[in-house]
Amino acid sequence: MAIHLTPTELAREAGMHRREVITKCMQLGVPIFEGRIDKTLFLSSLQAAQRRGQPAKV
């Protein structure tokens, strides 16, 4: 199972659009390194934002 995914792959797995994934990375401070995103970090940051009451979708 891959952990570092492209925005397109991560969007497919998270049920989001590619642009939403990139926007959320920028908002949540999740780095995009060499065109790849750490899936675990992205999903945990997204869940933490939801718990704090920030909107999950753009």
PDB file of N, CA and C in Angstrom:
ATOM      1  N   MET A   1       0.845  -1.183   0.000  1.00  0.00           N
ATOM      2  CA  MET A   1       0.000   0.000   0.000  1.00  0.00           C
ATOM      3  C   MET A   1       0.889   1.244   0.000  1.00  0.00           C
ATOM      4  N   ALA A   2       0.675   2.113  -0.963  1.00  0.00           N
ATOM      5  CA  ALA A   2       1.474   3.334  -1.078  1.00  0.00           C
ATOM      6  C   ALA A   2       1.042   4.363  -0.044  1.00  0.00           C
ATOM      7  N   ILE A   3       2.023   5.059   0.497  1.00  0.00           N
ATOM      8  CA  ILE A   3       1.745   6.105   1.475  1.00  0.00           C
ATOM      9  C   ILE A   3       1.869   7.478   0.828  1.00  0.00           C
ATOM     10  N   HIS A   4       2.818   7.642  -0.071  1.00  0.00           N
ATOM     11  CA  HIS A   4       3.030   8.925  -0.732  1.00  0.00           C
ATOM     12  C   HIS A   4       2.358   8.879  -2.101  1.00  0.00           C
ATOM     13  N   LEU A   5       1.296   9.668  -2.243  1.00  0.00           N
ATOM     14  CA  LEU A   5       0.477   9.620  -3.445  1.00  0.00           C
ATOM     15  C   LEU A   5       0.476  10.957  -4.169  1.00  0.00           C
ATOM     16  N   THR A   6       0.191  10.906  -5.455  1.00  0.00           N
ATOM     17  CA  THR A   6       0.004  12.142  -6.211  1.00  0.00           C
ATOM     18  C   THR A   6      -1.337  12.743  -5.784  1.00  0.00           C
ATOM     19  N   PRO A   7      -1.549  14.027  -6.034  1.00  0.00           N
ATOM     20  CA  PRO A   7      -2.841  14.628  -5.688  1.00  0.00           C
ATOM     21  C   PRO A   7      -4.026  13.907  -6.335  1.00  0.00           C
ATOM     22  N   THR A   8      -3.851  13.428  -7.552  1.00  0.00           N
ATOM     23  CA  THR A   8      -4.927  12.713  -8.240  1.00  0.00           C
ATOM     24  C   THR A   8      -5.244  11.396  -7.539  1.00  0.00           C
ATOM     25  N   GLU A   9      -4.209  10.646  -7.179  1.00  0.00           N
ATOM     26  CA  GLU A   9      -4.413   9.363  -6.490  1.00  0.00           C
ATOM     27  C   GLU A   9      -5.049   9.578  -5.121  1.00  0.00           C
ATOM     28  N   LEU A  10      -4.568  10.582  -4.401  1.00  0.00           N
ATOM     29  CA  LEU A  10      -5.102  10.866  -3.070  1.00  0.00           C
ATOM     30  C   LEU A  10      -6.551  11.336  -3.155  1.00  0.00           C
ATOM     31  N   ALA A  11      -6.853  12.140  -4.149  1.00  0.00           N
ATOM     32  CA  ALA A  11      -8.231  12.609  -4.337  1.00  0.00           C
ATOM     33  C   ALA A  11      -9.165  11.431  -4.574  1.00  0.00           C
ATOM     34  N   ARG A  12      -8.727  10.493  -5.381  1.00  0.00           N
ATOM     35  CA  ARG A  12      -9.535   9.308  -5.670  1.00  0.00           C
ATOM     36  C   ARG A  12      -9.811   8.525  -4.383  1.00  0.00           C
ATOM     37  N   GLU A  13      -8.795   8.352  -3.554  1.00  0.00           N
ATOM     38  CA  GLU A  13      -8.958   7.587  -2.316  1.00  0.00           C
ATOM     39  C   GLU A  13      -9.766   8.332  -1.264  1.00  0.00           C
ATOM     40  N   ALA A  14      -9.658   9.664  -1.242  1.00  0.00           N
ATOM     41  CA  ALA A  14     -10.348  10.463  -0.228  1.00  0.00           C
ATOM     42  C   ALA A  14     -11.746  10.888  -0.669  1.00  0.00           C
ATOM     43  N   GLY A  15     -12.096  10.603  -1.917  1.00  0.00           N
ATOM     44  CA  GLY A  15     -13.409  10.994  -2.414  1.00  0.00           C
ATOM     45  C   GLY A  15     -13.536  12.492  -2.635  1.00  0.00           C
ATOM     46  N   MET A  16     -12.443  13.112  -3.047  1.00  0.00           N
ATOM     47  CA  MET A  16     -12.412  14.550  -3.286  1.00  0.00           C
ATOM     48  C   MET A  16     -11.945  14.801  -4.717  1.00  0.00           C
ATOM     49  N   HIS A  17     -11.978  16.061  -5.114  1.00  0.00           N
ATOM     50  CA  HIS A  17     -11.403  16.460  -6.396  1.00  0.00           C
ATOM     51  C   HIS A  17      -9.932  16.793  -6.184  1.00  0.00           C
ATOM     52  N   ARG A  18      -9.150  16.680  -7.242  1.00  0.00           N
ATOM     53  CA  ARG A  18      -7.702  16.946  -7.178  1.00  0.00           C
ATOM     54  C   ARG A  18      -7.410  18.347  -6.652  1.00  0.00           C
ATOM     55  N   ARG A  19      -8.121  19.331  -7.151  1.00  0.00           N
ATOM     56  CA  ARG A  19      -7.899  20.714  -6.712  1.00  0.00           C
ATOM     57  C   ARG A  19      -8.243  20.904  -5.236  1.00  0.00           C
ATOM     58  N   GLU A  20      -9.258  20.187  -4.751  1.00  0.00           N
ATOM     59  CA  GLU A  20      -9.618  20.267  -3.331  1.00  0.00           C
ATOM     60  C   GLU A  20      -8.478  19.739  -2.464  1.00  0.00           C
ATOM     61  N   VAL A  21      -7.859  18.653  -2.909  1.00  0.00           N
ATOM     62  CA  VAL A  21      -6.740  18.071  -2.163  1.00  0.00           C
ATOM     63  C   VAL A  21      -5.589  19.071  -2.079  1.00  0.00           C
ATOM     64  N   ILE A  22      -5.250  19.687  -3.189  1.00  0.00           N
ATOM     65  CA  ILE A  22      -4.150  20.652  -3.208  1.00  0.00           C
ATOM     66  C   ILE A  22      -4.480  21.854  -2.329  1.00  0.00           C
ATOM     67  N   THR A  23      -5.712  22.353  -2.414  1.00  0.00           N
ATOM     68  CA  THR A  23      -6.135  23.491  -1.592  1.00  0.00           C
ATOM     69  C   THR A  23      -6.067  23.145  -0.117  1.00  0.00           C
ATOM     70  N   LYS A  24      -6.545  21.962   0.247  1.00  0.00           N
ATOM     71  CA  LYS A  24      -6.509  21.542   1.652  1.00  0.00           C
ATOM     72  C   LYS A  24      -5.076  21.396   2.143  1.00  0.00           C
ATOM     73  N   CYS A  25      -4.194  20.891   1.307  1.00  0.00           N
ATOM     74  CA  CYS A  25      -2.782  20.789   1.694  1.00  0.00           C
ATOM     75  C   CYS A  25      -2.233  22.168   2.034  1.00  0.00           C
ATOM     76  N   MET A  26      -2.554  23.147   1.214  1.00  0.00           N
ATOM     77  CA  MET A  26      -2.066  24.504   1.457  1.00  0.00           C
ATOM     78  C   MET A  26      -2.682  25.083   2.730  1.00  0.00           C
ATOM     79  N   GLN A  27      -3.971  24.864   2.940  1.00  0.00           N
ATOM     80  CA  GLN A  27      -4.653  25.397   4.118  1.00  0.00           C
ATOM     81  C   GLN A  27      -4.173  24.741   5.407  1.00  0.00           C
ATOM     82  N   LEU A  28      -3.930  23.437   5.356  1.00  0.00           N
ATOM     83  CA  LEU A  28      -3.584  22.675   6.557  1.00  0.00           C
ATOM     84  C   LEU A  28      -2.082  22.562   6.783  1.00  0.00           C
ATOM     85  N   GLY A  29      -1.297  23.045   5.840  1.00  0.00           N
ATOM     86  CA  GLY A  29       0.154  22.986   5.993  1.00  0.00           C
ATOM     87  C   GLY A  29       0.749  21.615   5.730  1.00  0.00           C
ATOM     88  N   VAL A  30       0.070  20.817   4.926  1.00  0.00           N
ATOM     89  CA  VAL A  30       0.577  19.493   4.556  1.00  0.00           C
ATOM     90  C   VAL A  30       1.488  19.665   3.343  1.00  0.00           C
ATOM     91  N   PRO A  31       2.748  19.271   3.452  1.00  0.00           N
ATOM     92  CA  PRO A  31       3.671  19.499   2.335  1.00  0.00           C
ATOM     93  C   PRO A  31       3.400  18.591   1.131  1.00  0.00           C
ATOM     94  N   ILE A  32       3.655  19.145  -0.039  1.00  0.00           N
ATOM     95  CA  ILE A  32       3.642  18.374  -1.280  1.00  0.00           C
ATOM     96  C   ILE A  32       5.088  18.340  -1.731  1.00  0.00           C
ATOM     97  N   PHE A  33       5.722  17.183  -1.604  1.00  0.00           N
ATOM     98  CA  PHE A  33       7.140  17.045  -1.891  1.00  0.00           C
ATOM     99  C   PHE A  33       7.323  16.230  -3.157  1.00  0.00           C
ATOM    100  N   GLU A  34       7.963  16.827  -4.140  1.00  0.00           N
ATOM    101  CA  GLU A  34       8.197  16.188  -5.437  1.00  0.00           C
ATOM    102  C   GLU A  34       6.901  15.632  -6.028  1.00  0.00           C
ATOM    103  N   GLY A  35       5.815  16.396  -5.876  1.00  0.00           N
ATOM    104  CA  GLY A  35       4.537  16.021  -6.464  1.00  0.00           C
ATOM    105  C   GLY A  35       3.787  14.941  -5.723  1.00  0.00           C
ATOM    106  N   ARG A  36       4.220  14.614  -4.518  1.00  0.00           N
ATOM    107  CA  ARG A  36       3.570  13.556  -3.735  1.00  0.00           C
ATOM    108  C   ARG A  36       3.175  14.080  -2.358  1.00  0.00           C
ATOM    109  N   ILE A  37       2.101  13.495  -1.822  1.00  0.00           N
ATOM    110  CA  ILE A  37       1.556  13.894  -0.530  1.00  0.00           C
ATOM    111  C   ILE A  37       1.509  12.665   0.365  1.00  0.00           C
ATOM    112  N   ASP A  38       1.902  12.843   1.627  1.00  0.00           N
ATOM    113  CA  ASP A  38       1.820  11.763   2.606  1.00  0.00           C
ATOM    114  C   ASP A  38       0.343  11.549   2.953  1.00  0.00           C
ATOM    115  N   LYS A  39      -0.184  10.404   2.569  1.00  0.00           N
ATOM    116  CA  LYS A  39      -1.603  10.099   2.754  1.00  0.00           C
ATOM    117  C   LYS A  39      -2.003  10.139   4.225  1.00  0.00           C
ATOM    118  N   THR A  40      -1.206   9.546   5.092  1.00  0.00           N
ATOM    119  CA  THR A  40      -1.522   9.495   6.517  1.00  0.00           C
ATOM    120  C   THR A  40      -1.554  10.893   7.119  1.00  0.00           C
ATOM    121  N   LEU A  41      -0.566  11.713   6.794  1.00  0.00           N
ATOM    122  CA  LEU A  41      -0.517  13.079   7.304  1.00  0.00           C
ATOM    123  C   LEU A  41      -1.700  13.890   6.792  1.00  0.00           C
ATOM    124  N   PHE A  42      -2.032  13.746   5.520  1.00  0.00           N
ATOM    125  CA  PHE A  42      -3.150  14.487   4.941  1.00  0.00           C
ATOM    126  C   PHE A  42      -4.459  14.112   5.627  1.00  0.00           C
ATOM    127  N   LEU A  43      -4.732  12.826   5.743  1.00  0.00           N
ATOM    128  CA  LEU A  43      -5.999  12.387   6.326  1.00  0.00           C
ATOM    129  C   LEU A  43      -6.106  12.744   7.804  1.00  0.00           C
ATOM    130  N   SER A  44      -5.010  12.616   8.551  1.00  0.00           N
ATOM    131  CA  SER A  44      -5.064  12.977   9.972  1.00  0.00           C
ATOM    132  C   SER A  44      -5.226  14.485  10.145  1.00  0.00           C
ATOM    133  N   SER A  45      -4.597  15.281   9.296  1.00  0.00           N
ATOM    134  CA  SER A  45      -4.757  16.737   9.351  1.00  0.00           C
ATOM    135  C   SER A  45      -6.180  17.135   8.990  1.00  0.00           C
ATOM    136  N   LEU A  46      -6.753  16.464   8.025  1.00  0.00           N
ATOM    137  CA  LEU A  46      -8.124  16.739   7.609  1.00  0.00           C
ATOM    138  C   LEU A  46      -9.104  16.398   8.734  1.00  0.00           C
ATOM    139  N   GLN A  47      -8.896  15.262   9.391  1.00  0.00           N
ATOM    140  CA  GLN A  47      -9.758  14.867  10.506  1.00  0.00           C
ATOM    141  C   GLN A  47      -9.623  15.828  11.678  1.00  0.00           C
ATOM    142  N   ALA A  48      -8.410  16.270  11.969  1.00  0.00           N
ATOM    143  CA  ALA A  48      -8.191  17.224  13.058  1.00  0.00           C
ATOM    144  C   ALA A  48      -8.888  18.546  12.758  1.00  0.00           C
ATOM    145  N   ALA A  49      -8.848  18.981  11.511  1.00  0.00           N
ATOM    146  CA  ALA A  49      -9.520  20.225  11.120  1.00  0.00           C
ATOM    147  C   ALA A  49     -11.029  20.088  11.280  1.00  0.00           C
ATOM    148  N   GLN A  50     -11.559  18.930  10.961  1.00  0.00           N
ATOM    149  CA  GLN A  50     -12.996  18.695  11.112  1.00  0.00           C
ATOM    150  C   GLN A  50     -13.391  18.726  12.584  1.00  0.00           C
ATOM    151  N   ARG A  51     -12.563  18.162  13.439  1.00  0.00           N
ATOM    152  CA  ARG A  51     -12.851  18.177  14.879  1.00  0.00           C
ATOM    153  C   ARG A  51     -12.817  19.594  15.437  1.00  0.00           C
ATOM    154  N   ARG A  52     -11.940  20.438  14.874  1.00  0.00           N
ATOM    155  CA  ARG A  52     -11.850  21.831  15.320  1.00  0.00           C
ATOM    156  C   ARG A  52     -12.982  22.675  14.762  1.00  0.00           C
ATOM    157  N   GLY A  53     -13.742  22.119  13.846  1.00  0.00           N
ATOM    158  CA  GLY A  53     -14.872  22.838  13.286  1.00  0.00           C
ATOM    159  C   GLY A  53     -14.602  23.541  11.982  1.00  0.00           C
ATOM    160  N   GLN A  54     -13.429  23.325  11.395  1.00  0.00           N
ATOM    161  CA  GLN A  54     -13.140  23.913  10.095  1.00  0.00           C
ATOM    162  C   GLN A  54     -13.825  23.075   9.024  1.00  0.00           C
ATOM    163  N   PRO A  55     -14.289  23.709   7.962  1.00  0.00           N
ATOM    164  CA  PRO A  55     -14.948  22.928   6.907  1.00  0.00           C
ATOM    165  C   PRO A  55     -13.973  21.971   6.231  1.00  0.00           C
ATOM    166  N   ALA A  56     -14.446  20.776   5.934  1.00  0.00           N
ATOM    167  CA  ALA A  56     -13.593  19.758   5.327  1.00  0.00           C
ATOM    168  C   ALA A  56     -13.505  19.915   3.817  1.00  0.00           C
ATOM    169  N   LYS A  57     -14.516  20.486   3.208  1.00  0.00           N
ATOM    170  CA  LYS A  57     -14.547  20.639   1.751  1.00  0.00           C
ATOM    171  C   LYS A  57     -14.437  22.109   1.390  1.00  0.00           C
ATOM    172  N   VAL A  58     -13.927  22.341   0.192  1.00  0.00           N
ATOM    173  CA  VAL A  58     -13.777  23.722  -0.300  1.00  0.00           C
ATOM    174  C   VAL A  58     -15.046  24.142  -0.991  1.00  0.00           C
TER     175      VAL A  58
END
